[in-house]
Amino acid sequence: MATQNWGNNDPSRQYQAPAQQLSQPLSYAKLYLTIVAAILTAFFIMGVISMLFSAVVARSLFAEFNVKTTALSQPKKQHSDGLQQDLQQLANKSLQQIAEPLHQRAEQLNKQSQQQLAASRTDAQTCTFWRQQYEKERSDRNKMHLNSACKRAHGSLWNGVK
């Protein structure tokens, strides 16, 4: 029978910590609930702090935005005076004096469009000429001139002669 008490079953050989000797055994359920409560409390505190921080940041952004918009919405005195002077000058001018620069600009645009139309007609005639030359004599020189003239006349629509 002496062999049966050999090892861990011998009460004189087992060591117990002083805290275990004085109190009840460790309750894992209480430890778990304590840790969960601590984590939830920390999350709650962090949430409140982040909400307060966000409110402060938003308030400062809106204050800066309001300052900028009020500065833009209030016209300056010098600009409104200048606008009044310009309106007064326009009121004093006759309708013909106001329309004359517009008429001159329209004439310039008309001349430019006529020049562009004449240039595109010339490019089309050049393309037709080189197409006829290439049909008569299929040389590399005529092919090169045909491709460049028709590309100028037709732009990206021209695929070129292969």
N, C-alpha and C. Protein backbone atom coordinates (compact mmCIF):
# COMPACT_ATOMS: atom_id res chain seq x y z
N MET A 1 0.79 -1.18 0.00
CA MET A 1 0.00 0.00 0.00
C MET A 1 0.85 1.26 0.00
N ALA A 2 2.01 1.16 0.33
CA ALA A 2 2.88 2.32 0.34
C ALA A 2 3.14 2.82 -1.06
N THR A 3 3.00 1.93 -2.03
CA THR A 3 3.22 2.34 -3.40
C THR A 3 2.05 3.14 -3.95
N GLN A 4 0.87 3.03 -3.34
CA GLN A 4 -0.28 3.77 -3.85
C GLN A 4 -0.21 5.25 -3.50
N ASN A 5 0.40 5.65 -2.40
CA ASN A 5 0.51 7.05 -2.01
C ASN A 5 1.74 7.73 -2.61
N TRP A 6 2.34 7.07 -3.47
CA TRP A 6 3.55 7.60 -4.08
C TRP A 6 3.19 8.60 -5.17
N GLY A 7 3.73 9.82 -5.31
CA GLY A 7 3.51 10.78 -6.36
C GLY A 7 2.65 11.95 -5.94
N ASN A 8 1.71 12.33 -6.81
CA ASN A 8 0.91 13.54 -6.60
C ASN A 8 -0.18 13.38 -5.56
N ASN A 9 -0.52 12.19 -5.20
CA ASN A 9 -1.60 11.99 -4.23
C ASN A 9 -1.17 12.22 -2.81
N ASP A 10 0.10 12.40 -2.59
CA ASP A 10 0.60 12.61 -1.23
C ASP A 10 0.32 14.04 -0.82
N PRO A 11 -0.56 14.30 0.20
CA PRO A 11 -0.92 15.66 0.60
C PRO A 11 0.26 16.44 1.16
N SER A 12 1.24 15.83 1.65
CA SER A 12 2.36 16.56 2.22
C SER A 12 3.29 17.10 1.14
N ARG A 13 3.20 16.56 -0.06
CA ARG A 13 4.09 16.97 -1.14
C ARG A 13 3.46 18.00 -2.07
N GLN A 14 2.19 18.26 -1.97
CA GLN A 14 1.53 19.23 -2.86
C GLN A 14 1.73 20.64 -2.33
N TYR A 15 2.05 21.57 -3.24
CA TYR A 15 2.25 22.96 -2.85
C TYR A 15 1.03 23.76 -3.27
N GLN A 16 0.53 24.59 -2.38
CA GLN A 16 -0.57 25.48 -2.69
C GLN A 16 -0.13 26.91 -2.41
N ALA A 17 -0.49 27.81 -3.33
CA ALA A 17 -0.15 29.22 -3.15
C ALA A 17 -0.91 29.76 -1.96
N PRO A 18 -0.35 30.76 -1.28
CA PRO A 18 -1.02 31.31 -0.11
C PRO A 18 -2.40 31.88 -0.44
N ALA A 19 -2.60 32.45 -1.63
CA ALA A 19 -3.91 33.00 -1.98
C ALA A 19 -4.94 31.89 -2.12
N GLN A 20 -4.52 30.75 -2.62
CA GLN A 20 -5.45 29.63 -2.76
C GLN A 20 -5.77 29.00 -1.41
N GLN A 21 -4.85 29.06 -0.52
CA GLN A 21 -5.10 28.48 0.79
C GLN A 21 -6.09 29.31 1.57
N LEU A 22 -6.09 30.66 1.38
CA LEU A 22 -6.91 31.53 2.19
C LEU A 22 -8.32 31.72 1.64
N SER A 23 -8.49 31.68 0.33
CA SER A 23 -9.80 31.98 -0.24
C SER A 23 -10.36 30.77 -0.95
N GLN A 24 -11.51 31.04 -1.60
CA GLN A 24 -12.17 29.98 -2.35
C GLN A 24 -11.44 29.74 -3.66
N PRO A 25 -11.74 28.64 -4.30
CA PRO A 25 -11.07 28.38 -5.58
C PRO A 25 -11.43 29.46 -6.62
N LEU A 26 -10.56 29.65 -7.64
CA LEU A 26 -10.70 30.69 -8.65
C LEU A 26 -11.95 30.44 -9.48
N SER A 27 -12.81 31.47 -9.61
CA SER A 27 -14.04 31.35 -10.39
C SER A 27 -13.80 31.96 -11.77
N TYR A 28 -13.73 31.09 -12.80
CA TYR A 28 -13.48 31.56 -14.17
C TYR A 28 -14.65 32.36 -14.73
N ALA A 29 -15.84 32.09 -14.30
CA ALA A 29 -17.00 32.85 -14.76
C ALA A 29 -16.91 34.29 -14.30
N LYS A 30 -16.51 34.50 -13.04
CA LYS A 30 -16.37 35.86 -12.51
C LYS A 30 -15.22 36.59 -13.21
N LEU A 31 -14.12 35.89 -13.46
CA LEU A 31 -13.00 36.48 -14.16
C LEU A 31 -13.40 36.89 -15.57
N TYR A 32 -14.14 36.03 -16.28
CA TYR A 32 -14.62 36.32 -17.63
C TYR A 32 -15.52 37.55 -17.65
N LEU A 33 -16.47 37.60 -16.73
CA LEU A 33 -17.39 38.74 -16.67
C LEU A 33 -16.66 40.03 -16.34
N THR A 34 -15.63 39.96 -15.49
CA THR A 34 -14.86 41.14 -15.14
C THR A 34 -14.09 41.67 -16.36
N ILE A 35 -13.48 40.77 -17.12
CA ILE A 35 -12.74 41.17 -18.31
C ILE A 35 -13.68 41.76 -19.36
N VAL A 36 -14.84 41.13 -19.58
CA VAL A 36 -15.82 41.64 -20.55
C VAL A 36 -16.30 43.02 -20.13
N ALA A 37 -16.57 43.21 -18.83
CA ALA A 37 -17.03 44.52 -18.35
C ALA A 37 -15.94 45.58 -18.56
N ALA A 38 -14.68 45.21 -18.33
CA ALA A 38 -13.58 46.17 -18.53
C ALA A 38 -13.45 46.55 -20.01
N ILE A 39 -13.57 45.58 -20.90
CA ILE A 39 -13.47 45.86 -22.33
C ILE A 39 -14.62 46.74 -22.80
N LEU A 40 -15.85 46.43 -22.37
CA LEU A 40 -17.00 47.23 -22.77
C LEU A 40 -16.89 48.66 -22.23
N THR A 41 -16.41 48.81 -21.02
CA THR A 41 -16.23 50.14 -20.44
C THR A 41 -15.19 50.93 -21.25
N ALA A 42 -14.10 50.26 -21.64
CA ALA A 42 -13.07 50.94 -22.43
C ALA A 42 -13.63 51.36 -23.78
N PHE A 43 -14.41 50.49 -24.44
CA PHE A 43 -15.01 50.86 -25.72
C PHE A 43 -15.98 52.03 -25.57
N PHE A 44 -16.75 52.03 -24.51
CA PHE A 44 -17.69 53.12 -24.27
C PHE A 44 -16.93 54.44 -24.08
N ILE A 45 -15.87 54.42 -23.29
CA ILE A 45 -15.09 55.63 -23.05
C ILE A 45 -14.44 56.10 -24.35
N MET A 46 -13.89 55.18 -25.15
CA MET A 46 -13.28 55.55 -26.42
C MET A 46 -14.32 56.12 -27.39
N GLY A 47 -15.52 55.56 -27.40
CA GLY A 47 -16.58 56.07 -28.25
C GLY A 47 -16.98 57.49 -27.89
N VAL A 48 -17.12 57.74 -26.61
CA VAL A 48 -17.49 59.08 -26.15
C VAL A 48 -16.39 60.08 -26.52
N ILE A 49 -15.14 59.71 -26.31
CA ILE A 49 -14.03 60.61 -26.62
C ILE A 49 -13.97 60.88 -28.13
N SER A 50 -14.16 59.84 -28.96
CA SER A 50 -14.10 60.05 -30.41
C SER A 50 -15.28 60.90 -30.90
N MET A 51 -16.45 60.74 -30.29
CA MET A 51 -17.59 61.58 -30.67
C MET A 51 -17.33 63.04 -30.30
N LEU A 52 -16.76 63.28 -29.14
CA LEU A 52 -16.44 64.65 -28.74
C LEU A 52 -15.38 65.25 -29.67
N PHE A 53 -14.37 64.46 -30.02
CA PHE A 53 -13.33 64.93 -30.94
C PHE A 53 -13.93 65.25 -32.31
N SER A 54 -14.80 64.38 -32.80
CA SER A 54 -15.45 64.62 -34.09
C SER A 54 -16.30 65.89 -34.06
N ALA A 55 -16.99 66.11 -32.97
CA ALA A 55 -17.82 67.31 -32.84
C ALA A 55 -16.96 68.57 -32.86
N VAL A 56 -15.81 68.53 -32.19
CA VAL A 56 -14.92 69.69 -32.17
C VAL A 56 -14.36 69.96 -33.56
N VAL A 57 -13.95 68.89 -34.27
CA VAL A 57 -13.40 69.05 -35.61
C VAL A 57 -14.47 69.59 -36.56
N ALA A 58 -15.68 69.03 -36.50
CA ALA A 58 -16.77 69.48 -37.37
C ALA A 58 -17.11 70.94 -37.08
N ARG A 59 -17.15 71.31 -35.81
CA ARG A 59 -17.48 72.69 -35.45
C ARG A 59 -16.43 73.65 -36.00
N SER A 60 -15.15 73.28 -35.91
CA SER A 60 -14.11 74.17 -36.42
C SER A 60 -14.16 74.27 -37.95
N LEU A 61 -14.47 73.15 -38.63
CA LEU A 61 -14.59 73.20 -40.08
C LEU A 61 -15.76 74.07 -40.52
N PHE A 62 -16.89 73.93 -39.84
CA PHE A 62 -18.05 74.75 -40.20
C PHE A 62 -17.80 76.22 -39.89
N ALA A 63 -17.07 76.51 -38.82
CA ALA A 63 -16.76 77.90 -38.51
C ALA A 63 -15.87 78.50 -39.58
N GLU A 64 -14.87 77.72 -40.04
CA GLU A 64 -13.99 78.20 -41.11
C GLU A 64 -14.76 78.37 -42.42
N PHE A 65 -15.65 77.43 -42.71
CA PHE A 65 -16.47 77.52 -43.92
C PHE A 65 -17.37 78.75 -43.87
N ASN A 66 -17.98 79.02 -42.73
CA ASN A 66 -18.85 80.18 -42.59
C ASN A 66 -18.08 81.48 -42.77
N VAL A 67 -16.87 81.52 -42.25
CA VAL A 67 -16.05 82.73 -42.39
C VAL A 67 -15.74 82.98 -43.87
N LYS A 68 -15.38 81.91 -44.59
CA LYS A 68 -15.05 82.07 -46.01
C LYS A 68 -16.27 82.43 -46.84
N THR A 69 -17.42 81.82 -46.56
CA THR A 69 -18.61 82.12 -47.35
C THR A 69 -19.13 83.52 -47.08
N THR A 70 -19.04 83.98 -45.85
CA THR A 70 -19.50 85.35 -45.58
C THR A 70 -18.56 86.35 -46.23
N ALA A 71 -17.27 86.02 -46.29
CA ALA A 71 -16.32 86.93 -46.94
C ALA A 71 -16.60 86.99 -48.44
N LEU A 72 -16.99 85.88 -49.04
CA LEU A 72 -17.28 85.86 -50.47
C LEU A 72 -18.64 86.47 -50.79
N SER A 73 -19.59 86.29 -49.91
CA SER A 73 -20.95 86.76 -50.21
C SER A 73 -21.11 88.26 -50.03
N GLN A 74 -20.27 88.87 -49.24
CA GLN A 74 -20.37 90.31 -49.04
C GLN A 74 -19.51 91.02 -50.08
N PRO A 75 -20.13 91.72 -51.02
CA PRO A 75 -19.33 92.40 -52.05
C PRO A 75 -18.56 93.56 -51.43
N LYS A 76 -17.39 93.75 -51.95
CA LYS A 76 -16.57 94.85 -51.44
C LYS A 76 -17.08 96.16 -52.02
N LYS A 77 -16.88 97.20 -51.29
CA LYS A 77 -17.38 98.52 -51.67
C LYS A 77 -16.76 98.98 -52.98
N GLN A 78 -15.46 98.73 -53.15
CA GLN A 78 -14.80 99.21 -54.35
C GLN A 78 -15.31 98.48 -55.59
N HIS A 79 -15.63 97.19 -55.47
CA HIS A 79 -16.15 96.46 -56.62
C HIS A 79 -17.55 96.95 -57.00
N SER A 80 -18.36 97.19 -56.03
CA SER A 80 -19.71 97.65 -56.36
C SER A 80 -19.68 99.06 -56.96
N ASP A 81 -18.75 99.90 -56.51
CA ASP A 81 -18.61 101.23 -57.11
C ASP A 81 -18.17 101.11 -58.57
N GLY A 82 -17.22 100.24 -58.83
CA GLY A 82 -16.76 100.03 -60.20
C GLY A 82 -17.87 99.50 -61.09
N LEU A 83 -18.68 98.59 -60.54
CA LEU A 83 -19.79 98.04 -61.31
C LEU A 83 -20.81 99.13 -61.62
N GLN A 84 -21.07 100.00 -60.66
CA GLN A 84 -22.01 101.10 -60.89
C GLN A 84 -21.48 102.04 -61.98
N GLN A 85 -20.19 102.30 -61.98
CA GLN A 85 -19.60 103.17 -63.00
C GLN A 85 -19.70 102.53 -64.38
N ASP A 86 -19.42 101.22 -64.45
CA ASP A 86 -19.53 100.54 -65.75
C ASP A 86 -20.96 100.55 -66.26
N LEU A 87 -21.91 100.34 -65.38
CA LEU A 87 -23.31 100.37 -65.80
C LEU A 87 -23.71 101.77 -66.27
N GLN A 88 -23.21 102.77 -65.60
CA GLN A 88 -23.51 104.15 -65.98
C GLN A 88 -22.92 104.47 -67.36
N GLN A 89 -21.69 104.00 -67.61
CA GLN A 89 -21.07 104.23 -68.92
C GLN A 89 -21.85 103.52 -70.02
N LEU A 90 -22.29 102.30 -69.75
CA LEU A 90 -23.08 101.57 -70.75
C LEU A 90 -24.41 102.27 -71.02
N ALA A 91 -24.99 102.81 -69.99
CA ALA A 91 -26.27 103.51 -70.17
C ALA A 91 -26.08 104.78 -70.99
N ASN A 92 -24.93 105.41 -70.89
CA ASN A 92 -24.67 106.64 -71.64
C ASN A 92 -24.34 106.38 -73.10
N LYS A 93 -23.85 105.17 -73.43
CA LYS A 93 -23.50 104.85 -74.81
C LYS A 93 -24.75 104.52 -75.61
N SER A 94 -24.66 104.78 -76.88
CA SER A 94 -25.78 104.43 -77.74
C SER A 94 -25.68 102.94 -78.08
N LEU A 95 -26.77 102.41 -78.56
CA LEU A 95 -26.84 100.99 -78.90
C LEU A 95 -25.87 100.65 -80.02
N GLN A 96 -25.68 101.57 -80.94
CA GLN A 96 -24.76 101.34 -82.06
C GLN A 96 -23.32 101.24 -81.57
N GLN A 97 -22.94 102.08 -80.60
CA GLN A 97 -21.58 102.03 -80.06
C GLN A 97 -21.33 100.71 -79.33
N ILE A 98 -22.34 100.17 -78.71
CA ILE A 98 -22.18 98.90 -77.99
C ILE A 98 -22.11 97.73 -78.98
N ALA A 99 -22.91 97.79 -80.04
CA ALA A 99 -22.99 96.68 -80.98
C ALA A 99 -21.84 96.67 -81.97
N GLU A 100 -21.15 97.79 -82.16
CA GLU A 100 -20.09 97.86 -83.16
C GLU A 100 -18.95 96.87 -82.91
N PRO A 101 -18.40 96.76 -81.69
CA PRO A 101 -17.34 95.75 -81.47
C PRO A 101 -17.84 94.33 -81.70
N LEU A 102 -19.08 94.06 -81.34
CA LEU A 102 -19.63 92.72 -81.57
C LEU A 102 -19.75 92.43 -83.06
N HIS A 103 -20.13 93.44 -83.82
CA HIS A 103 -20.27 93.28 -85.27
C HIS A 103 -18.90 93.04 -85.90
N GLN A 104 -17.88 93.75 -85.43
CA GLN A 104 -16.54 93.56 -85.96
C GLN A 104 -16.03 92.15 -85.66
N ARG A 105 -16.29 91.67 -84.48
CA ARG A 105 -15.86 90.30 -84.11
C ARG A 105 -16.57 89.27 -84.97
N ALA A 106 -17.86 89.48 -85.24
CA ALA A 106 -18.61 88.55 -86.09
C ALA A 106 -18.04 88.55 -87.51
N GLU A 107 -17.62 89.70 -88.01
CA GLU A 107 -17.02 89.78 -89.34
C GLU A 107 -15.69 89.03 -89.38
N GLN A 108 -14.89 89.18 -88.32
CA GLN A 108 -13.62 88.47 -88.26
C GLN A 108 -13.84 86.96 -88.28
N LEU A 109 -14.80 86.49 -87.50
CA LEU A 109 -15.09 85.06 -87.47
C LEU A 109 -15.59 84.57 -88.83
N ASN A 110 -16.39 85.39 -89.50
CA ASN A 110 -16.90 85.04 -90.83
C ASN A 110 -15.75 84.91 -91.83
N LYS A 111 -14.79 85.86 -91.78
CA LYS A 111 -13.63 85.80 -92.67
C LYS A 111 -12.81 84.55 -92.40
N GLN A 112 -12.62 84.25 -91.12
CA GLN A 112 -11.84 83.05 -90.77
C GLN A 112 -12.52 81.79 -91.28
N SER A 113 -13.83 81.71 -91.13
CA SER A 113 -14.54 80.51 -91.59
C SER A 113 -14.49 80.41 -93.11
N GLN A 114 -14.55 81.56 -93.82
CA GLN A 114 -14.43 81.53 -95.28
C GLN A 114 -13.04 81.08 -95.70
N GLN A 115 -12.02 81.52 -94.98
CA GLN A 115 -10.65 81.10 -95.29
C GLN A 115 -10.49 79.61 -95.04
N GLN A 116 -11.06 79.10 -93.96
CA GLN A 116 -10.99 77.68 -93.67
C GLN A 116 -11.73 76.87 -94.73
N LEU A 117 -12.86 77.37 -95.17
CA LEU A 117 -13.63 76.69 -96.21
C LEU A 117 -12.84 76.65 -97.52
N ALA A 118 -12.19 77.76 -97.88
CA ALA A 118 -11.38 77.81 -99.09
C ALA A 118 -10.19 76.86 -98.98
N ALA A 119 -9.59 76.81 -97.80
CA ALA A 119 -8.45 75.91 -97.60
C ALA A 119 -8.89 74.45 -97.70
N SER A 120 -10.03 74.11 -97.15
CA SER A 120 -10.50 72.72 -97.23
C SER A 120 -10.87 72.36 -98.68
N ARG A 121 -11.41 73.32 -99.44
CA ARG A 121 -11.70 73.07 -100.86
C ARG A 121 -10.41 72.80 -101.63
N THR A 122 -9.40 73.61 -101.35
CA THR A 122 -8.11 73.44 -102.02
C THR A 122 -7.50 72.08 -101.66
N ASP A 123 -7.59 71.69 -100.39
CA ASP A 123 -7.07 70.38 -99.97
C ASP A 123 -7.81 69.25 -100.67
N ALA A 124 -9.13 69.38 -100.82
CA ALA A 124 -9.91 68.34 -101.50
C ALA A 124 -9.52 68.26 -102.97
N GLN A 125 -9.29 69.41 -103.61
CA GLN A 125 -8.87 69.40 -105.02
C GLN A 125 -7.49 68.76 -105.17
N THR A 126 -6.59 69.05 -104.22
CA THR A 126 -5.25 68.46 -104.26
C THR A 126 -5.33 66.95 -104.09
N CYS A 127 -6.20 66.50 -103.18
CA CYS A 127 -6.40 65.06 -102.97
C CYS A 127 -6.91 64.40 -104.25
N THR A 128 -7.87 65.03 -104.90
CA THR A 128 -8.43 64.49 -106.15
C THR A 128 -7.35 64.42 -107.23
N PHE A 129 -6.53 65.46 -107.32
CA PHE A 129 -5.46 65.49 -108.32
C PHE A 129 -4.50 64.33 -108.11
N TRP A 130 -4.03 64.12 -106.88
CA TRP A 130 -3.06 63.07 -106.63
C TRP A 130 -3.69 61.69 -106.74
N ARG A 131 -4.97 61.58 -106.48
CA ARG A 131 -5.65 60.29 -106.70
C ARG A 131 -5.63 59.94 -108.19
N GLN A 132 -5.91 60.94 -109.05
CA GLN A 132 -5.88 60.71 -110.50
C GLN A 132 -4.46 60.37 -110.96
N GLN A 133 -3.47 61.08 -110.42
CA GLN A 133 -2.09 60.81 -110.80
C GLN A 133 -1.68 59.39 -110.39
N TYR A 134 -2.14 58.98 -109.20
CA TYR A 134 -1.78 57.64 -108.72
C TYR A 134 -2.47 56.56 -109.56
N GLU A 135 -3.69 56.83 -110.02
CA GLU A 135 -4.37 55.86 -110.88
C GLU A 135 -3.67 55.74 -112.24
N LYS A 136 -3.12 56.86 -112.73
CA LYS A 136 -2.39 56.82 -114.00
C LYS A 136 -1.06 56.06 -113.85
N GLU A 137 -0.31 56.44 -112.81
CA GLU A 137 1.01 55.85 -112.60
C GLU A 137 1.15 55.49 -111.13
N ARG A 138 1.18 54.22 -110.80
CA ARG A 138 1.26 53.75 -109.42
C ARG A 138 2.72 53.73 -108.94
N SER A 139 3.23 54.91 -108.66
CA SER A 139 4.61 55.00 -108.17
C SER A 139 4.59 55.35 -106.68
N ASP A 140 5.73 55.13 -106.05
CA ASP A 140 5.84 55.45 -104.62
C ASP A 140 5.71 56.95 -104.37
N ARG A 141 6.22 57.74 -105.28
CA ARG A 141 6.13 59.21 -105.14
C ARG A 141 4.68 59.66 -105.17
N ASN A 142 3.91 59.17 -106.13
CA ASN A 142 2.49 59.54 -106.22
C ASN A 142 1.71 59.03 -105.01
N LYS A 143 2.04 57.86 -104.54
CA LYS A 143 1.37 57.28 -103.36
C LYS A 143 1.63 58.15 -102.13
N MET A 144 2.87 58.60 -101.97
CA MET A 144 3.23 59.45 -100.83
C MET A 144 2.46 60.78 -100.89
N HIS A 145 2.43 61.42 -102.07
CA HIS A 145 1.70 62.68 -102.21
C HIS A 145 0.20 62.49 -102.03
N LEU A 146 -0.33 61.39 -102.53
CA LEU A 146 -1.76 61.08 -102.37
C LEU A 146 -2.12 60.94 -100.90
N ASN A 147 -1.34 60.18 -100.17
CA ASN A 147 -1.63 59.96 -98.74
C ASN A 147 -1.53 61.26 -97.95
N SER A 148 -0.52 62.07 -98.20
CA SER A 148 -0.39 63.31 -97.42
C SER A 148 -1.49 64.31 -97.77
N ALA A 149 -1.83 64.44 -99.06
CA ALA A 149 -2.86 65.40 -99.46
C ALA A 149 -4.24 64.96 -98.96
N CYS A 150 -4.55 63.68 -99.06
CA CYS A 150 -5.87 63.22 -98.62
C CYS A 150 -5.98 63.21 -97.10
N LYS A 151 -4.87 62.97 -96.42
CA LYS A 151 -4.90 63.05 -94.96
C LYS A 151 -5.17 64.49 -94.53
N ARG A 152 -4.57 65.48 -95.23
CA ARG A 152 -4.83 66.88 -94.93
C ARG A 152 -6.28 67.24 -95.22
N ALA A 153 -6.84 66.69 -96.29
CA ALA A 153 -8.20 67.04 -96.69
C ALA A 153 -9.25 66.33 -95.84
N HIS A 154 -9.02 65.06 -95.48
CA HIS A 154 -10.05 64.27 -94.81
C HIS A 154 -9.74 63.95 -93.36
N GLY A 155 -8.57 64.29 -92.89
CA GLY A 155 -8.20 64.11 -91.50
C GLY A 155 -8.10 62.65 -91.11
N SER A 156 -8.66 62.32 -89.96
CA SER A 156 -8.55 60.95 -89.44
C SER A 156 -9.42 59.97 -90.20
N LEU A 157 -10.29 60.45 -91.08
CA LEU A 157 -11.13 59.54 -91.87
C LEU A 157 -10.32 58.86 -92.97
N TRP A 158 -9.19 59.46 -93.35
CA TRP A 158 -8.38 58.90 -94.43
C TRP A 158 -7.53 57.77 -93.89
N ASN A 159 -7.68 56.57 -94.48
CA ASN A 159 -6.92 55.41 -94.04
C ASN A 159 -5.59 55.28 -94.75
N GLY A 160 -5.47 55.86 -95.90
CA GLY A 160 -4.24 55.80 -96.66
C GLY A 160 -4.26 54.65 -97.65
N VAL A 161 -3.42 54.79 -98.67
CA VAL A 161 -3.28 53.78 -99.70
C VAL A 161 -2.16 52.86 -99.27
N LYS A 162 -2.43 51.60 -99.30
CA LYS A 162 -1.41 50.62 -98.88
C LYS A 162 -0.58 50.19 -100.05
